[in-house]
Amino acid sequence: MTELFDFPKATYVGGKKGLDFKATKGYNFYNAEEEITANGKTLKMKDWLKFSVAYWHTMDQRLVDPFGEGTAQRPWDKEGEEGSMELALAKVDYMFEFMDKLGVEYFAFHDRDLAPEGNTLRETNENLDKVVDKVEQKMQETGKKLLWNTSSLFTNKRFVAGGATTPFADVFAYAGAQIKHSLEIAKRLGSESYVFWGGREGYESLLNTDTKRELDHIAAFFKLAVDYAKEIGYTGQFLLEPKPKEPTSHQYDTDAQTTIAFLKTYGLENDFKLNLEGNHAFLAGHTYEHEVRFTREAGLLGSLDANMGDKLIGWDIDEFPNDIYEATLVMYEFLKNGGLPTGGLNFDAKVRRQSFKPEDLFYGHMAGMDVYAAGLRVAAKILEDGYFEDILKDRYSSFDSGIGADFEAGKVTFADLEKYIIDTPDADVIASTKSGHLEAIKATLNNYIYAVLGARFN
């Protein structure tokens, strides 16, 4: 059979003496079949990480930016006119060969990534179903799996003021009907999760927005989705994806803590978890590990989008991850969570506008897979040694006995605290504090990275 991509299968080339500095040769750290033990669990690396290719960036992204037309050169451009069903069907073959050559088992998509819209929702659903037929066939042939799917309630101009938070009832009805069909596809394809990303669920100005009504509407919308999933027997995990801004001035799911508060306010925390993205964390003014930490501790960590932002550019650029330091800290939280039972690492990432050749799609994914595999290796060693746990145990040890332990056990009042401390000299209170040794901790983290990754090539 003729290959669609003129690119060899990516293989593991690491573990040899001497690092091959050319990142285009294969994986230096990602070894799919290698077993990694962490937090009492042993899994193959591919099963820990569950890498996923994003259909929208890989197959549909033309590398446009706000100031220029697309630069992407793609081998499927010859298969049909942009927006045609011929091209939509042809892209499916390219997508599955691409995953095979990368050695990736999962993919993700929006409904509107797959097929063009018609003049009515009925026509649009018919177009979509024809492509889903082919996707289902390729899944059966290859064993590839759907990590998650979602609906685009933001691209078409009908969603100018949102989908589930729109002030226009007909648009709200359209959004609900679109989600209904998308959930049916999720069940049909065995999607492990279903993501809601509120691209335009927010406001441009408070002057013309009834925020309470909009939040009530979107919460009720989510409850309708939960009810319909139960009705059709779809058991995948529902996920919300936080993002602070762009395209709206404020989006209701601005960051992890805001989204968690929303879920708890409306009693949705048992039905939804969070899908977190590195670039969105940066736009919210947080680190990626911050978002993952607070979500993990709330018991709501569902899945991860593996990308990053450029700290010199103020919009959502969805760059492929290349920061081993960040990847290590995210993987540490990931392992503390026991991995992601119903989620994975989806590359919601696109190559740079000047990286317009088809091979750049491979290089971007390979680099991202290697950086998170490297982070996984380092994080597993840190967790094995208990390094951070020992730091926390020592720093908070005063709450393990005496007045601190009594407080945590709920045995003290403000009056008890006053009685305990009121005659203690201030110098003694100050003397009870300890240095955080943050500089040494950061240096040690660097040493773990150097040692664990360097050992692969010694």
Protein backbone atom coordinates (compact mmCIF):
# COMPACT_ATOMS: atom_id res chain seq x y z
CA MET A 1 0.00 0.00 0.00
CA THR A 2 1.29 3.44 -0.92
CA GLU A 3 2.35 5.51 2.08
CA LEU A 4 0.72 8.91 2.37
CA PHE A 5 3.54 10.53 4.35
CA ASP A 6 7.12 10.49 3.15
CA PHE A 7 8.40 9.99 6.69
CA PRO A 8 9.75 6.91 8.50
CA LYS A 9 8.18 5.45 11.62
CA ALA A 10 9.43 7.19 14.74
CA THR A 11 11.23 4.71 17.03
CA TYR A 12 13.01 4.74 20.37
CA VAL A 13 16.70 5.41 19.84
CA GLY A 14 17.66 6.31 23.42
CA GLY A 15 19.43 4.24 25.99
CA LYS A 16 22.60 4.10 23.96
CA LYS A 17 25.95 5.52 24.92
CA GLY A 18 26.24 9.02 23.60
CA LEU A 19 23.27 11.29 23.04
CA ASP A 20 22.09 11.73 19.48
CA PHE A 21 21.62 15.48 19.54
CA LYS A 22 19.46 15.52 16.41
CA ALA A 23 15.87 15.43 17.66
CA THR A 24 14.67 14.34 14.22
CA LYS A 25 16.11 10.84 14.57
CA GLY A 26 13.57 9.38 16.99
CA TYR A 27 12.71 9.29 20.67
CA ASN A 28 15.53 9.62 23.20
CA PHE A 29 13.27 9.34 26.28
CA TYR A 30 9.92 7.95 25.12
CA ASN A 31 10.07 4.16 25.06
CA ALA A 32 6.46 3.03 24.67
CA GLU A 33 6.90 -0.50 26.02
CA GLU A 34 9.25 0.32 28.92
CA GLU A 35 7.70 -0.19 32.35
CA ILE A 36 7.77 2.72 34.80
CA THR A 37 6.92 2.24 38.48
CA ALA A 38 5.59 5.17 40.47
CA ASN A 39 3.24 5.67 43.40
CA GLY A 40 2.81 1.91 43.81
CA LYS A 41 1.78 1.35 40.21
CA THR A 42 3.71 -0.19 37.31
CA LEU A 43 2.63 0.62 33.77
CA LYS A 44 4.17 0.77 30.34
CA MET A 45 5.17 4.30 29.41
CA LYS A 46 2.52 4.42 26.67
CA ASP A 47 -0.13 3.52 29.25
CA TRP A 48 1.01 6.13 31.74
CA LEU A 49 1.07 8.94 29.20
CA LYS A 50 -1.64 8.00 26.67
CA PHE A 51 -0.47 10.52 24.09
CA SER A 52 -3.14 11.85 21.75
CA VAL A 53 -3.05 13.71 18.43
CA ALA A 54 -5.40 16.69 18.12
CA TYR A 55 -7.28 16.51 14.83
CA TRP A 56 -7.88 20.26 14.60
CA HIS A 57 -4.26 21.33 14.81
CA THR A 58 -2.77 18.43 12.88
CA MET A 59 -5.24 18.05 10.03
CA ASP A 60 -7.01 21.41 9.85
CA GLN A 61 -4.60 24.10 11.07
CA ARG A 62 -3.33 26.23 8.20
CA LEU A 63 -0.86 28.19 10.37
CA VAL A 64 -2.67 31.49 10.12
CA ASP A 65 -2.11 34.24 12.64
CA PRO A 66 -3.93 37.56 13.23
CA PHE A 67 -1.65 39.25 10.70
CA GLY A 68 -1.24 36.77 7.88
CA GLU A 69 -2.70 33.96 5.80
CA GLY A 70 -1.82 30.32 6.29
CA THR A 71 1.56 28.92 5.31
CA ALA A 72 0.94 25.18 5.81
CA GLN A 73 1.89 22.80 3.01
CA ARG A 74 0.02 19.54 3.45
CA PRO A 75 0.04 16.36 1.33
CA TRP A 76 -3.76 16.11 1.49
CA ASP A 77 -4.29 19.49 -0.17
CA LYS A 78 -4.51 17.67 -3.51
CA GLU A 79 -7.39 15.48 -2.33
CA GLY A 80 -10.17 18.05 -2.72
CA GLU A 81 -11.29 21.62 -2.29
CA GLU A 82 -11.09 23.17 1.18
CA GLY A 83 -14.41 22.56 2.92
CA SER A 84 -15.41 19.67 0.64
CA MET A 85 -16.56 16.23 1.76
CA GLU A 86 -13.91 14.67 -0.54
CA LEU A 87 -11.15 16.37 1.43
CA ALA A 88 -12.80 15.62 4.77
CA LEU A 89 -12.92 11.90 4.01
CA ALA A 90 -9.37 11.83 2.64
CA LYS A 91 -7.96 13.46 5.77
CA VAL A 92 -9.05 10.47 7.84
CA ASP A 93 -6.57 8.21 6.04
CA TYR A 94 -3.75 10.69 6.60
CA MET A 95 -4.64 11.06 10.28
CA PHE A 96 -4.46 7.34 11.01
CA GLU A 97 -1.20 6.87 9.11
CA PHE A 98 0.23 9.84 10.99
CA MET A 99 -0.66 8.25 14.35
CA ASP A 100 0.77 4.93 13.24
CA LYS A 101 4.10 6.46 12.23
CA LEU A 102 4.33 8.37 15.51
CA GLY A 103 3.42 5.32 17.56
CA VAL A 104 0.48 7.17 19.17
CA GLU A 105 -2.64 5.24 20.14
CA TYR A 106 -5.13 8.05 20.80
CA PHE A 107 -6.66 11.04 19.04
CA ALA A 108 -9.16 13.80 19.84
CA PHE A 109 -11.45 16.00 17.74
CA HIS A 110 -14.16 18.65 17.65
CA ASP A 111 -17.23 17.72 15.62
CA ARG A 112 -16.58 20.54 13.16
CA ASP A 113 -12.98 19.40 12.62
CA LEU A 114 -14.20 16.36 10.76
CA ALA A 115 -16.77 17.59 8.27
CA PRO A 116 -18.12 20.80 6.72
CA GLU A 117 -21.40 22.30 7.87
CA GLY A 118 -24.53 22.17 5.74
CA ASN A 119 -27.45 24.60 5.47
CA THR A 120 -29.26 23.02 8.41
CA LEU A 121 -28.19 21.05 11.45
CA ARG A 122 -29.71 17.95 9.81
CA GLU A 123 -27.46 18.38 6.77
CA THR A 124 -24.46 19.06 9.00
CA ASN A 125 -25.14 15.89 11.00
CA GLU A 126 -25.38 13.88 7.80
CA ASN A 127 -22.00 15.18 6.63
CA LEU A 128 -20.47 14.45 10.02
CA ASP A 129 -21.88 10.93 10.17
CA LYS A 130 -20.31 10.04 6.81
CA VAL A 131 -16.87 10.96 8.12
CA VAL A 132 -17.51 9.28 11.48
CA ASP A 133 -18.36 6.10 9.56
CA LYS A 134 -14.87 6.16 8.09
CA VAL A 135 -13.25 7.08 11.43
CA GLU A 136 -15.00 4.14 13.07
CA GLN A 137 -13.81 1.81 10.32
CA LYS A 138 -10.20 2.99 10.71
CA MET A 139 -10.40 2.58 14.47
CA GLN A 140 -11.50 -1.00 14.05
CA GLU A 141 -8.74 -1.69 11.52
CA THR A 142 -5.92 -0.09 13.53
CA GLY A 143 -6.95 -0.40 17.17
CA LYS A 144 -6.55 3.37 17.65
CA LYS A 145 -8.74 4.90 20.36
CA LEU A 146 -10.58 8.15 20.95
CA LEU A 147 -9.27 9.93 24.04
CA TRP A 148 -12.02 12.52 23.89
CA ASN A 149 -14.27 14.41 21.55
CA THR A 150 -16.02 17.74 21.88
CA SER A 151 -18.27 20.19 20.05
CA SER A 152 -17.32 23.51 18.51
CA LEU A 153 -19.80 25.99 19.98
CA PHE A 154 -17.59 28.92 19.06
CA THR A 155 -16.48 28.98 15.40
CA ASN A 156 -19.75 29.64 13.56
CA LYS A 157 -21.06 33.22 13.79
CA ARG A 158 -24.31 31.95 15.34
CA PHE A 159 -22.24 31.57 18.52
CA VAL A 160 -21.19 35.22 18.53
CA ALA A 161 -22.44 35.54 22.13
CA GLY A 162 -21.75 31.98 23.24
CA GLY A 163 -23.53 28.65 22.98
CA ALA A 164 -24.86 27.68 26.38
CA THR A 165 -24.63 31.25 27.74
CA THR A 166 -26.08 33.00 24.69
CA PRO A 167 -28.95 35.43 25.27
CA PHE A 168 -30.68 34.03 22.16
CA ALA A 169 -32.92 31.01 22.73
CA ASP A 170 -32.70 29.66 19.16
CA VAL A 171 -28.90 29.59 19.39
CA PHE A 172 -29.19 27.87 22.78
CA ALA A 173 -31.44 25.23 21.22
CA TYR A 174 -28.95 24.73 18.38
CA ALA A 175 -26.12 24.28 20.89
CA GLY A 176 -28.07 21.67 22.83
CA ALA A 177 -28.98 19.76 19.68
CA GLN A 178 -25.37 19.85 18.51
CA ILE A 179 -24.12 18.48 21.84
CA LYS A 180 -26.79 15.75 21.71
CA HIS A 181 -25.45 14.42 18.41
CA SER A 182 -21.86 14.81 19.58
CA LEU A 183 -22.58 12.68 22.65
CA GLU A 184 -24.10 10.03 20.41
CA ILE A 185 -20.84 9.98 18.45
CA ALA A 186 -18.88 9.74 21.72
CA LYS A 187 -20.82 6.61 22.67
CA ARG A 188 -20.51 5.13 19.20
CA LEU A 189 -16.72 5.57 19.05
CA GLY A 190 -16.07 4.65 22.69
CA SER A 191 -14.69 8.06 23.62
CA GLU A 192 -13.01 7.80 27.02
CA SER A 193 -13.98 11.37 27.92
CA TYR A 194 -16.05 14.24 26.60
CA VAL A 195 -14.75 17.82 26.84
CA PHE A 196 -16.67 21.07 27.10
CA TRP A 197 -14.55 24.06 26.14
CA GLY A 198 -16.40 27.35 26.55
CA GLY A 199 -14.63 29.35 23.89
CA ARG A 200 -17.22 32.10 23.94
CA GLU A 201 -18.98 31.31 27.22
CA GLY A 202 -18.20 34.58 28.94
CA TYR A 203 -18.72 38.29 28.42
CA GLU A 204 -17.23 41.27 26.66
CA SER A 205 -18.82 43.78 29.06
CA LEU A 206 -20.86 43.61 32.26
CA LEU A 207 -22.95 46.51 30.96
CA ASN A 208 -25.09 44.26 28.77
CA THR A 209 -24.64 40.88 30.49
CA ASP A 210 -26.85 39.12 33.05
CA THR A 211 -24.06 37.00 34.52
CA LYS A 212 -26.25 35.16 37.05
CA ARG A 213 -28.70 34.13 34.34
CA GLU A 214 -25.92 33.00 32.02
CA LEU A 215 -24.25 30.91 34.72
CA ASP A 216 -27.60 29.36 35.66
CA HIS A 217 -28.16 28.54 31.98
CA ILE A 218 -24.81 26.86 31.41
CA ALA A 219 -25.13 24.84 34.63
CA ALA A 220 -28.58 23.64 33.53
CA PHE A 221 -27.11 22.90 30.08
CA PHE A 222 -24.46 20.67 31.66
CA LYS A 223 -27.12 18.86 33.67
CA LEU A 224 -29.04 18.18 30.47
CA ALA A 225 -25.83 16.69 29.01
CA VAL A 226 -25.42 14.45 32.07
CA ASP A 227 -29.03 13.31 31.78
CA TYR A 228 -28.71 12.52 28.07
CA ALA A 229 -25.47 10.60 28.57
CA LYS A 230 -27.26 8.41 31.10
CA GLU A 231 -30.20 8.00 28.72
CA ILE A 232 -28.02 6.66 25.88
CA GLY A 233 -25.61 4.74 28.11
CA TYR A 234 -22.53 6.87 27.48
CA THR A 235 -20.18 6.35 30.44
CA GLY A 236 -17.18 8.50 29.49
CA GLN A 237 -15.86 11.15 31.86
CA PHE A 238 -17.21 14.68 31.36
CA LEU A 239 -14.50 17.36 31.42
CA LEU A 240 -14.44 21.16 31.58
CA GLU A 241 -11.44 23.02 30.20
CA PRO A 242 -10.52 26.31 31.94
CA LYS A 243 -9.32 29.32 29.99
CA PRO A 244 -9.16 32.93 31.20
CA LYS A 245 -9.72 35.09 28.13
CA GLU A 246 -9.47 35.26 24.33
CA PRO A 247 -11.75 35.51 22.57
CA THR A 248 -13.94 37.09 25.27
CA SER A 249 -12.73 39.61 27.82
CA HIS A 250 -13.68 37.17 30.57
CA GLN A 251 -14.58 33.52 30.30
CA TYR A 252 -16.54 31.96 33.13
CA ASP A 253 -14.11 29.05 33.51
CA THR A 254 -11.15 31.40 33.87
CA ASP A 255 -8.84 29.00 35.74
CA ALA A 256 -8.92 25.73 37.68
CA GLN A 257 -10.06 27.17 41.01
CA THR A 258 -12.82 29.24 39.40
CA THR A 259 -14.04 26.20 37.50
CA ILE A 260 -13.96 24.01 40.60
CA ALA A 261 -15.96 26.65 42.49
CA PHE A 262 -18.53 26.71 39.65
CA LEU A 263 -18.90 22.92 39.75
CA LYS A 264 -19.39 22.89 43.50
CA THR A 265 -21.79 25.85 43.42
CA TYR A 266 -24.09 24.04 41.01
CA GLY A 267 -23.63 20.51 42.37
CA LEU A 268 -21.78 19.22 39.30
CA GLU A 269 -18.56 18.09 40.96
CA ASN A 270 -19.55 14.41 40.88
CA ASP A 271 -20.19 14.47 37.14
CA PHE A 272 -17.31 16.60 35.84
CA LYS A 273 -13.55 16.77 36.11
CA LEU A 274 -11.12 19.19 34.50
CA ASN A 275 -9.06 19.06 31.33
CA LEU A 276 -6.12 21.41 31.89
CA GLU A 277 -3.91 23.11 29.33
CA GLY A 278 -0.44 24.57 29.83
CA ASN A 279 -0.98 27.60 27.60
CA HIS A 280 -4.27 28.43 29.35
CA ALA A 281 -2.55 28.26 32.73
CA PHE A 282 -0.02 30.82 31.53
CA LEU A 283 -2.76 33.13 30.21
CA ALA A 284 -4.43 32.90 33.64
CA GLY A 285 -1.23 34.08 35.31
CA HIS A 286 -0.40 30.66 36.75
CA THR A 287 2.17 27.96 36.17
CA TYR A 288 0.94 24.71 34.67
CA GLU A 289 1.86 22.78 37.80
CA HIS A 290 -0.20 25.25 39.86
CA GLU A 291 -3.34 24.38 37.88
CA VAL A 292 -2.60 20.65 38.08
CA ARG A 293 -1.85 20.80 41.83
CA PHE A 294 -5.08 22.53 42.84
CA THR A 295 -7.16 20.32 40.56
CA ARG A 296 -5.50 17.15 41.84
CA GLU A 297 -6.04 18.14 45.46
CA ALA A 298 -9.71 18.75 44.70
CA GLY A 299 -9.95 15.22 43.28
CA LEU A 300 -10.99 16.59 39.89
CA LEU A 301 -7.97 16.00 37.64
CA GLY A 302 -9.27 14.40 34.47
CA SER A 303 -6.96 14.99 31.51
CA LEU A 304 -4.15 17.23 30.24
CA ASP A 305 -3.53 19.18 27.07
CA ALA A 306 0.20 19.04 26.43
CA ASN A 307 1.25 22.42 25.14
CA MET A 308 2.84 25.64 26.35
CA GLY A 309 2.72 29.37 25.74
CA ASP A 310 5.36 31.84 24.70
CA LYS A 311 6.05 34.18 27.60
CA LEU A 312 6.74 37.04 25.18
CA ILE A 313 3.46 36.71 23.28
CA GLY A 314 0.13 37.49 24.89
CA TRP A 315 -2.24 35.15 23.11
CA ASP A 316 -3.02 31.45 22.95
CA ILE A 317 -0.28 30.18 20.63
CA ASP A 318 -0.53 26.46 21.50
CA GLU A 319 3.18 25.75 21.14
CA PHE A 320 4.45 22.18 21.38
CA PRO A 321 5.94 21.62 24.85
CA ASN A 322 9.72 21.78 25.08
CA ASP A 323 10.38 22.76 28.72
CA ILE A 324 11.68 19.75 30.68
CA TYR A 325 11.53 21.70 33.96
CA GLU A 326 7.80 22.38 33.53
CA ALA A 327 7.11 18.88 32.25
CA THR A 328 8.83 17.37 35.29
CA LEU A 329 6.74 19.35 37.76
CA VAL A 330 3.52 18.57 35.89
CA MET A 331 4.43 14.88 35.77
CA TYR A 332 5.13 14.92 39.50
CA GLU A 333 1.55 16.06 40.15
CA PHE A 334 0.37 13.59 37.52
CA LEU A 335 2.06 10.68 39.31
CA LYS A 336 0.80 11.84 42.70
CA ASN A 337 -2.65 11.56 41.12
CA GLY A 338 -1.91 7.98 40.06
CA GLY A 339 -1.91 9.04 36.41
CA LEU A 340 -5.09 9.82 34.50
CA PRO A 341 -7.36 6.76 34.45
CA THR A 342 -9.83 8.23 31.94
CA GLY A 343 -7.57 10.90 30.46
CA GLY A 344 -4.21 11.34 28.80
CA LEU A 345 -1.85 13.88 27.28
CA ASN A 346 -3.44 15.40 24.21
CA PHE A 347 -1.24 17.54 21.96
CA ASP A 348 -3.48 20.58 21.62
CA ALA A 349 -0.49 22.13 19.89
CA LYS A 350 0.43 23.41 16.48
CA VAL A 351 3.76 23.87 14.77
CA ARG A 352 5.07 27.40 14.28
CA ARG A 353 4.04 29.38 11.22
CA GLN A 354 7.52 29.12 9.74
CA SER A 355 7.52 25.33 10.26
CA PHE A 356 5.19 24.71 7.34
CA LYS A 357 6.45 21.40 5.90
CA PRO A 358 4.61 18.10 6.59
CA GLU A 359 7.64 16.68 8.42
CA ASP A 360 7.36 19.50 10.95
CA LEU A 361 4.14 17.89 12.19
CA PHE A 362 6.19 14.83 13.10
CA TYR A 363 9.01 16.84 14.68
CA GLY A 364 6.61 18.80 16.86
CA HIS A 365 4.86 15.72 18.22
CA MET A 366 8.12 13.81 18.68
CA ALA A 367 9.62 16.70 20.66
CA GLY A 368 6.52 16.95 22.84
CA MET A 369 6.40 13.23 23.50
CA ASP A 370 10.08 13.14 24.43
CA VAL A 371 9.86 16.10 26.81
CA TYR A 372 6.95 14.60 28.75
CA ALA A 373 8.59 11.16 28.76
CA ALA A 374 11.70 12.82 30.19
CA GLY A 375 9.59 14.61 32.79
CA LEU A 376 7.90 11.33 33.71
CA ARG A 377 11.25 9.65 34.30
CA VAL A 378 12.54 12.45 36.52
CA ALA A 379 9.28 12.79 38.44
CA ALA A 380 9.17 9.03 39.11
CA LYS A 381 12.66 9.18 40.66
CA ILE A 382 11.80 12.22 42.81
CA LEU A 383 8.66 10.47 44.02
CA GLU A 384 10.57 7.24 44.68
CA ASP A 385 13.08 9.13 46.84
CA GLY A 386 10.35 11.02 48.68
CA TYR A 387 12.31 14.24 48.23
CA PHE A 388 9.43 16.72 48.18
CA GLU A 389 7.43 14.69 50.74
CA ASP A 390 10.34 14.89 53.18
CA ILE A 391 10.54 18.67 52.70
CA LEU A 392 6.84 19.10 53.44
CA LYS A 393 6.95 16.72 56.41
CA ASP A 394 9.75 18.70 58.01
CA ARG A 395 8.32 22.13 57.21
CA TYR A 396 4.90 21.37 58.71
CA SER A 397 6.12 19.16 61.56
CA SER A 398 4.90 21.60 64.22
CA PHE A 399 1.36 20.59 63.32
CA ASP A 400 2.11 16.92 64.05
CA SER A 401 2.18 17.35 67.85
CA GLY A 402 1.23 19.78 70.59
CA ILE A 403 -0.96 22.78 69.84
CA GLY A 404 -0.63 22.28 66.07
CA ALA A 405 -1.94 18.71 66.23
CA ASP A 406 -4.75 19.78 68.57
CA PHE A 407 -5.78 22.47 66.09
CA GLU A 408 -5.85 20.05 63.16
CA ALA A 409 -7.92 17.65 65.27
CA GLY A 410 -10.47 20.41 65.85
CA LYS A 411 -9.82 20.55 69.60
CA VAL A 412 -8.90 24.23 70.04
CA THR A 413 -10.63 27.59 69.97
CA PHE A 414 -9.21 31.10 69.56
CA ALA A 415 -9.24 31.30 73.35
CA ASP A 416 -7.08 28.18 73.55
CA LEU A 417 -4.63 29.64 71.02
CA GLU A 418 -4.45 32.84 73.04
CA LYS A 419 -3.83 30.98 76.30
CA TYR A 420 -1.06 28.94 74.65
CA ILE A 421 0.85 31.84 73.10
CA ILE A 422 0.04 34.99 75.06
CA ASP A 423 3.07 35.00 77.38
CA THR A 424 5.57 33.51 74.92
CA PRO A 425 8.41 35.96 74.17
CA ASP A 426 8.33 37.25 70.62
CA ALA A 427 11.89 36.09 70.11
CA ASP A 428 10.80 32.51 70.81
CA VAL A 429 7.96 32.76 68.28
CA ILE A 430 10.40 34.01 65.65
CA ALA A 431 12.89 31.28 66.58
CA SER A 432 10.24 28.64 65.86
CA THR A 433 10.33 29.44 62.14
CA LYS A 434 12.59 27.61 59.69
CA SER A 435 14.22 28.59 56.42
CA GLY A 436 12.40 27.38 53.32
CA HIS A 437 15.77 26.64 51.60
CA LEU A 438 14.05 27.32 48.28
CA GLU A 439 17.31 27.95 46.41
CA ALA A 440 18.67 24.57 47.49
CA ILE A 441 15.40 22.88 46.56
CA LYS A 442 15.43 24.34 43.05
CA ALA A 443 19.09 23.39 42.61
CA THR A 444 18.30 19.84 43.74
CA LEU A 445 15.45 19.66 41.24
CA ASN A 446 17.89 20.63 38.51
CA ASN A 447 20.29 17.95 39.75
CA TYR A 448 17.55 15.32 39.49
CA ILE A 449 16.95 16.37 35.90
CA TYR A 450 20.66 16.25 35.06
CA ALA A 451 21.22 12.91 36.81
CA VAL A 452 18.16 10.97 35.64
CA LEU A 453 18.30 12.09 32.02
CA GLY A 454 22.07 12.05 31.79
CA ALA A 455 22.17 8.48 33.06
CA ARG A 456 20.29 7.39 29.95
CA PHE A 457 23.39 8.10 27.85
CA ASN A 458 26.35 7.24 30.11
